[in-house]
Protein backbone atom coordinates (compact mmCIF):
# COMPACT_ATOMS: atom_id res chain seq x y z
CA UNK A 1 98.89 19.09 106.55
CA UNK A 2 100.06 16.07 104.59
CA UNK A 3 98.67 13.42 106.90
CA UNK A 4 98.68 12.09 110.42
CA UNK A 5 101.69 10.16 111.64
CA UNK A 6 101.50 6.36 111.62
CA UNK A 7 102.94 5.88 115.10
CA UNK A 8 102.73 2.09 114.93
CA UNK A 9 104.61 2.05 111.63
CA UNK A 10 107.49 3.99 113.21
CA UNK A 11 107.94 1.59 116.12
CA UNK A 12 111.16 -0.50 115.88
CA UNK A 13 110.32 -4.14 115.15
CA UNK A 14 112.92 -5.59 117.50
CA UNK A 15 111.55 -3.66 120.51
CA UNK A 16 108.06 -5.15 120.36
CA UNK A 17 106.86 -6.85 123.56
CA UNK A 18 103.85 -8.22 121.67
CA UNK A 19 101.75 -7.27 118.65
CA UNK A 20 98.01 -7.54 118.10
CA UNK A 21 96.72 -9.27 121.25
CA UNK A 22 92.94 -9.16 121.82
CA UNK A 23 92.47 -5.87 123.68
CA UNK A 24 89.57 -6.96 125.89
CA UNK A 25 91.84 -9.46 127.65
CA UNK A 26 94.54 -6.92 128.60
CA UNK A 27 94.75 -4.53 131.56
CA UNK A 28 96.84 -1.60 130.35
CA UNK A 29 98.33 -0.60 133.71
CA UNK A 30 99.32 -4.21 134.41
CA UNK A 31 101.64 -4.03 131.39
CA UNK A 32 103.85 -1.38 133.02
CA UNK A 33 106.43 -3.83 134.52
CA UNK A 34 106.86 -5.63 131.18
CA UNK A 35 107.01 -2.47 129.11
CA UNK A 36 109.12 -0.37 131.49
CA UNK A 37 109.82 2.73 129.42
CA UNK A 38 107.67 2.23 126.36
CA UNK A 39 104.44 2.56 124.48
CA UNK A 40 101.14 0.65 124.52
CA UNK A 41 98.70 1.14 121.64
CA UNK A 42 95.08 0.00 121.38
CA UNK A 43 93.71 -0.08 117.82
CA UNK A 44 90.46 -0.89 116.09
CA UNK A 45 90.42 -0.09 112.38
CA UNK A 46 91.62 3.48 111.95
CA UNK A 47 90.85 4.40 115.56
CA UNK A 48 93.74 4.17 118.05
CA UNK A 49 94.77 5.29 121.50
CA UNK A 50 98.26 5.19 122.95
CA UNK A 51 99.67 5.28 126.45
CA UNK A 52 103.31 6.20 127.08
CA UNK A 53 104.94 4.69 130.17
CA UNK A 54 108.00 6.07 131.94
CA UNK A 55 109.38 4.29 135.00
CA UNK A 56 106.24 2.16 135.21
CA UNK A 57 103.84 5.14 135.33
CA UNK A 58 101.63 6.70 132.70
CA UNK A 59 103.46 9.70 131.30
CA UNK A 60 101.41 10.70 128.25
CA UNK A 61 98.18 9.64 126.52
CA UNK A 62 96.69 10.49 123.15
CA UNK A 63 94.30 9.09 120.57
CA UNK A 64 93.07 9.58 117.04
CA UNK A 65 90.20 12.06 116.63
CA UNK A 66 87.68 9.24 116.11
CA UNK A 67 88.84 7.13 119.05
CA UNK A 68 86.80 6.86 122.27
CA UNK A 69 88.42 6.74 125.69
CA UNK A 70 90.97 3.91 125.79
CA UNK A 71 88.98 1.54 128.02
CA UNK A 72 85.92 1.98 125.79
CA UNK A 73 88.06 1.32 122.72
CA UNK A 74 89.40 -1.86 124.35
CA UNK A 75 85.90 -3.24 124.81
CA UNK A 76 84.95 -2.79 121.16
CA UNK A 77 84.85 -5.99 119.06
CA UNK A 78 88.03 -6.57 117.08
CA UNK A 79 90.21 -4.16 119.08
CA UNK A 80 93.84 -5.21 119.53
CA UNK A 81 96.69 -4.04 121.74
CA UNK A 82 100.42 -3.87 120.99
CA UNK A 83 103.37 -2.81 123.14
CA UNK A 84 106.97 -1.75 122.58
CA UNK A 85 109.96 -0.98 124.79
CA UNK A 86 111.58 2.21 123.49
CA UNK A 87 115.02 3.76 123.69
CA UNK A 88 115.11 7.17 125.33
CA UNK A 89 115.47 9.13 122.08
CA UNK A 90 112.30 7.74 120.46
CA UNK A 91 110.40 7.69 123.77
CA UNK A 92 111.11 11.39 124.30
CA UNK A 93 109.63 12.52 120.96
CA UNK A 94 106.33 10.62 121.00
CA UNK A 95 104.38 13.78 122.01
CA UNK A 96 105.93 15.61 119.06
CA UNK A 97 105.17 12.71 116.71
CA UNK A 98 101.46 12.50 117.51
CA UNK A 99 101.09 16.28 117.00
CA UNK A 100 103.16 16.31 113.82
CA UNK A 101 102.45 16.08 110.10
CA UNK A 102 103.98 13.53 107.76
CA UNK A 103 106.24 15.13 105.16
CA UNK A 104 107.85 11.92 103.88
CA UNK A 105 106.97 8.36 104.89
CA UNK A 106 109.39 5.42 104.53
CA UNK A 107 111.40 6.76 101.60
CA UNK A 108 113.95 4.17 100.47
CA UNK A 109 117.53 5.07 101.34
CA UNK A 110 118.52 3.78 97.91
CA UNK A 111 117.03 6.94 96.41
CA UNK A 112 117.51 9.54 99.15
CA UNK A 113 120.67 11.43 100.16
CA UNK A 114 119.98 12.10 103.83
CA UNK A 115 122.70 14.79 104.02
CA UNK A 116 120.95 16.76 101.28
CA UNK A 117 117.57 16.10 102.90
CA UNK A 118 118.75 17.57 106.22
CA UNK A 119 120.24 20.59 104.45
CA UNK A 120 116.88 21.17 102.77
CA UNK A 121 114.99 20.88 106.06
CA UNK A 122 117.25 23.45 107.71
CA UNK A 123 116.12 25.94 105.07
CA UNK A 124 112.44 25.54 105.91
CA UNK A 125 110.53 27.47 108.56
CA UNK A 126 109.56 24.59 110.87
CA UNK A 127 111.53 22.01 112.83
CA UNK A 128 111.37 18.38 111.71
CA UNK A 129 111.96 14.94 113.18
CA UNK A 130 113.96 12.62 110.92
CA UNK A 131 113.69 8.87 111.56
CA UNK A 132 115.99 6.42 109.77
CA UNK A 133 115.29 2.68 110.00
CA UNK A 134 117.72 0.04 108.71
CA UNK A 135 116.86 -3.52 109.64
CA UNK A 136 116.57 -3.68 113.43
CA UNK A 137 118.40 -0.37 113.91
CA UNK A 138 116.73 3.00 114.19
CA UNK A 139 117.97 6.56 114.69
CA UNK A 140 115.94 9.67 115.45
CA UNK A 141 117.07 13.27 115.11
CA UNK A 142 115.58 16.75 115.38
CA UNK A 143 116.46 19.24 112.64
CA UNK A 144 115.80 22.94 113.17
CA UNK A 145 114.37 25.13 110.45
CA UNK A 146 115.18 28.75 109.65
CA UNK A 147 113.45 29.86 112.88
CA UNK A 148 114.90 27.39 115.40
CA UNK A 149 113.26 26.62 118.72
CA UNK A 150 115.31 24.45 121.05
CA UNK A 151 118.45 22.65 120.03
CA UNK A 152 119.11 20.09 117.31
CA UNK A 153 120.01 16.59 118.43
CA UNK A 154 120.59 13.13 116.99
CA UNK A 155 121.50 14.36 113.49
CA UNK A 156 124.92 12.67 113.39
CA UNK A 157 123.38 9.32 114.38
CA UNK A 158 120.71 9.67 111.67
CA UNK A 159 123.37 10.36 109.03
CA UNK A 160 125.61 7.53 110.24
CA UNK A 161 122.83 4.95 110.06
CA UNK A 162 121.66 6.23 106.67
CA UNK A 163 125.19 5.89 105.31
CA UNK A 164 125.09 2.14 105.90
CA UNK A 165 122.82 2.06 102.82
CA UNK A 166 121.02 -1.17 103.65
CA UNK A 167 118.61 -2.19 100.87
CA UNK A 168 115.74 -2.27 103.38
CA UNK A 169 116.64 1.13 104.88
CA UNK A 170 114.16 3.99 104.82
CA UNK A 171 113.71 7.51 106.14
CA UNK A 172 110.61 9.31 107.39
CA UNK A 173 110.25 13.04 108.06
CA UNK A 174 107.71 14.53 110.47
CA UNK A 175 107.03 18.28 110.64
CA UNK A 176 106.60 19.24 114.28
CA UNK A 177 104.91 22.32 115.75
CA UNK A 178 105.92 21.60 119.35
CA UNK A 179 109.19 23.08 120.51
CA UNK A 180 111.12 21.04 123.09
CA UNK A 181 112.20 22.74 126.32
CA UNK A 182 115.28 24.91 125.82
CA UNK A 183 118.48 23.61 127.40
CA UNK A 184 119.65 25.13 130.66
CA UNK A 185 122.54 27.61 130.24
CA UNK A 186 125.87 25.85 129.71
CA UNK A 187 124.27 22.41 130.10
CA UNK A 188 125.63 19.53 128.07
CA UNK A 189 123.15 17.89 125.71
CA UNK A 190 122.71 14.30 126.78
CA UNK A 191 120.63 11.27 126.00
CA UNK A 192 116.97 11.51 126.99
CA UNK A 193 117.03 10.95 130.72
CA UNK A 194 113.45 12.00 131.33
CA UNK A 195 112.37 14.76 133.66
CA UNK A 196 108.60 15.19 133.97
CA UNK A 197 107.14 18.44 132.73
CA UNK A 198 103.47 19.23 133.41
CA UNK A 199 101.74 21.46 130.90
CA UNK A 200 99.27 23.86 132.50
CA UNK A 201 95.69 24.50 131.45
CA UNK A 202 96.71 27.21 128.98
CA UNK A 203 99.55 25.17 127.47
CA UNK A 204 99.86 23.85 123.94
CA UNK A 205 99.27 20.23 124.96
CA UNK A 206 95.97 21.16 126.57
CA UNK A 207 94.91 22.97 123.39
CA UNK A 208 95.83 20.00 121.22
CA UNK A 209 94.73 17.08 123.35
CA UNK A 210 91.97 18.48 125.57
CA UNK A 211 93.56 17.85 128.95
CA UNK A 212 96.86 18.63 130.60
CA UNK A 213 99.31 15.74 130.62
CA UNK A 214 102.72 15.16 132.08
CA UNK A 215 105.19 14.25 129.39
CA UNK A 216 108.89 13.57 129.59
CA UNK A 217 111.28 16.02 128.07
CA UNK A 218 115.06 15.86 127.77
CA UNK A 219 117.07 16.46 130.90
CA UNK A 220 120.14 18.24 129.68
CA UNK A 221 122.54 17.98 132.58
CA UNK A 222 123.90 14.93 134.34
CA UNK A 223 123.22 14.65 138.09
CA UNK A 224 126.46 12.68 138.35
CA UNK A 225 128.93 15.42 137.46
CA UNK A 226 131.30 15.20 134.53
CA UNK A 227 131.45 11.39 134.12
CA UNK A 228 130.31 10.95 130.52
CA UNK A 229 130.32 8.01 128.13
CA UNK A 230 132.73 9.51 125.60
CA UNK A 231 135.62 9.33 128.07
CA UNK A 232 135.10 5.58 128.61
CA UNK A 233 133.71 4.41 125.25
CA UNK A 234 136.55 2.01 124.37
CA UNK A 235 136.52 0.35 127.80
CA UNK A 236 132.74 0.12 127.78
CA UNK A 237 132.84 -1.66 124.41
CA UNK A 238 135.39 -4.15 125.77
CA UNK A 239 133.05 -4.94 128.66
CA UNK A 240 130.17 -5.42 126.21
CA UNK A 241 132.22 -7.76 124.01
CA UNK A 242 133.45 -9.84 126.92
CA UNK A 243 129.91 -10.26 128.26
CA UNK A 244 127.90 -10.59 125.04
CA UNK A 245 130.46 -11.82 122.49
CA UNK A 246 128.67 -12.06 119.09
CA UNK A 247 125.60 -10.27 120.50
CA UNK A 248 127.56 -7.11 121.34
CA UNK A 249 127.19 -5.00 118.12
CA UNK A 250 123.77 -3.61 119.08
CA UNK A 251 125.12 -2.54 122.46
CA UNK A 252 128.28 -1.10 120.92
CA UNK A 253 126.09 1.02 118.66
CA UNK A 254 124.22 2.26 121.75
CA UNK A 255 127.58 3.19 123.34
CA UNK A 256 128.66 5.07 120.21
CA UNK A 257 125.42 7.04 120.16
CA UNK A 258 125.76 7.91 123.85
CA UNK A 259 129.42 8.93 123.38
CA UNK A 260 128.56 11.22 120.45
CA UNK A 261 126.15 13.10 122.74
CA UNK A 262 128.50 13.10 125.70
CA UNK A 263 125.71 11.37 127.62
CA UNK A 264 126.17 10.69 131.33
CA UNK A 265 127.26 7.15 132.13
CA UNK A 266 124.18 6.62 134.30
CA UNK A 267 121.89 7.32 131.29
CA UNK A 268 123.70 4.67 129.26
CA UNK A 269 123.39 2.17 132.12
CA UNK A 270 119.65 2.82 132.30
CA UNK A 271 119.33 2.10 128.57
CA UNK A 272 121.38 -1.09 128.90
CA UNK A 273 119.00 -2.36 131.59
CA UNK A 274 115.98 -1.89 129.31
CA UNK A 275 117.37 -2.82 125.90
CA UNK A 276 116.09 -6.06 124.35
CA UNK A 277 118.72 -8.26 122.64
CA UNK A 278 117.66 -11.61 121.25
CA UNK A 279 119.26 -14.48 123.17
CA UNK A 280 120.57 -12.30 126.02
CA UNK A 281 119.02 -12.69 129.48
CA UNK A 282 117.80 -9.64 131.35
CA UNK A 283 119.99 -10.56 134.33
CA UNK A 284 123.05 -10.40 132.08
CA UNK A 285 122.14 -6.89 130.97
CA UNK A 286 121.60 -5.86 134.61
CA UNK A 287 125.08 -7.13 135.52
CA UNK A 288 126.56 -5.41 132.48
CA UNK A 289 124.99 -2.09 133.48
CA UNK A 290 126.41 -2.45 137.00
CA UNK A 291 129.89 -3.15 135.58
CA UNK A 292 129.67 -0.05 133.42
CA UNK A 293 128.77 2.10 136.41
CA UNK A 294 131.59 0.53 138.42
CA UNK A 295 134.05 1.41 135.65
CA UNK A 296 133.14 5.06 136.02
CA UNK A 297 132.86 4.85 139.82
CA UNK A 298 129.22 5.94 139.56
CA UNK A 299 126.70 4.66 142.15
CA UNK A 300 124.10 2.22 140.75
């Protein structure tokens, strides 16, 4: 084991709701409407406890070995609380991250060939999560080892972002011992549109964390039939540009990522409603999501 994962360090800076507020003044559950799908972390020194929210409800909880129960940690002098809204891909792998081991942390993309790194990881026994950060953009992918469990995802997005070669870009690699649920037969791999999975008393999560938790795993088939983003990507980008003008590149990148996975249009619309873009009102994003659904004749 090369070290525990610095979850806070992996959080995208532009998705922060707030950072470092005094913890004693915050009610965690009251943050759910502001966070939506996201993560709240209470920290005091090296002790931390996190709560993952999905659709306004607690979906997963975990803490460092030296951390007390979250409410007790909040009451301790000097404790702080931070919160982030997360895209579905990062949100879906938080349980794997907290159980994983750091292999590489924030290696500069100036010195790392991510294609060669992924090839190397595929030759190892375990699966790994690869996280590339470049400015305000972030991509997460799962790379199988020689004994694969589950399916790889997100690798093309990781490589594409790494190839931008920004001077501030970096890559982290986390070895994971938790296999994601296997896809249903013939199901298309999509963006992380969460379906709750409850681990029973004999499950791996109970062994690791002491109590059974519901966490949110990938749902691999669209409930809305064959209407996927890839078939409408160009038109969706035009809608984004007409609505957001100079603020559209972040959303266009989201569309490209969804199209590469053949994600259902409804999953993209859900991400558009929760994405944070500086200078863009939430009501504008809501209207944009509705227009996208209307383009595909999908109910909102």
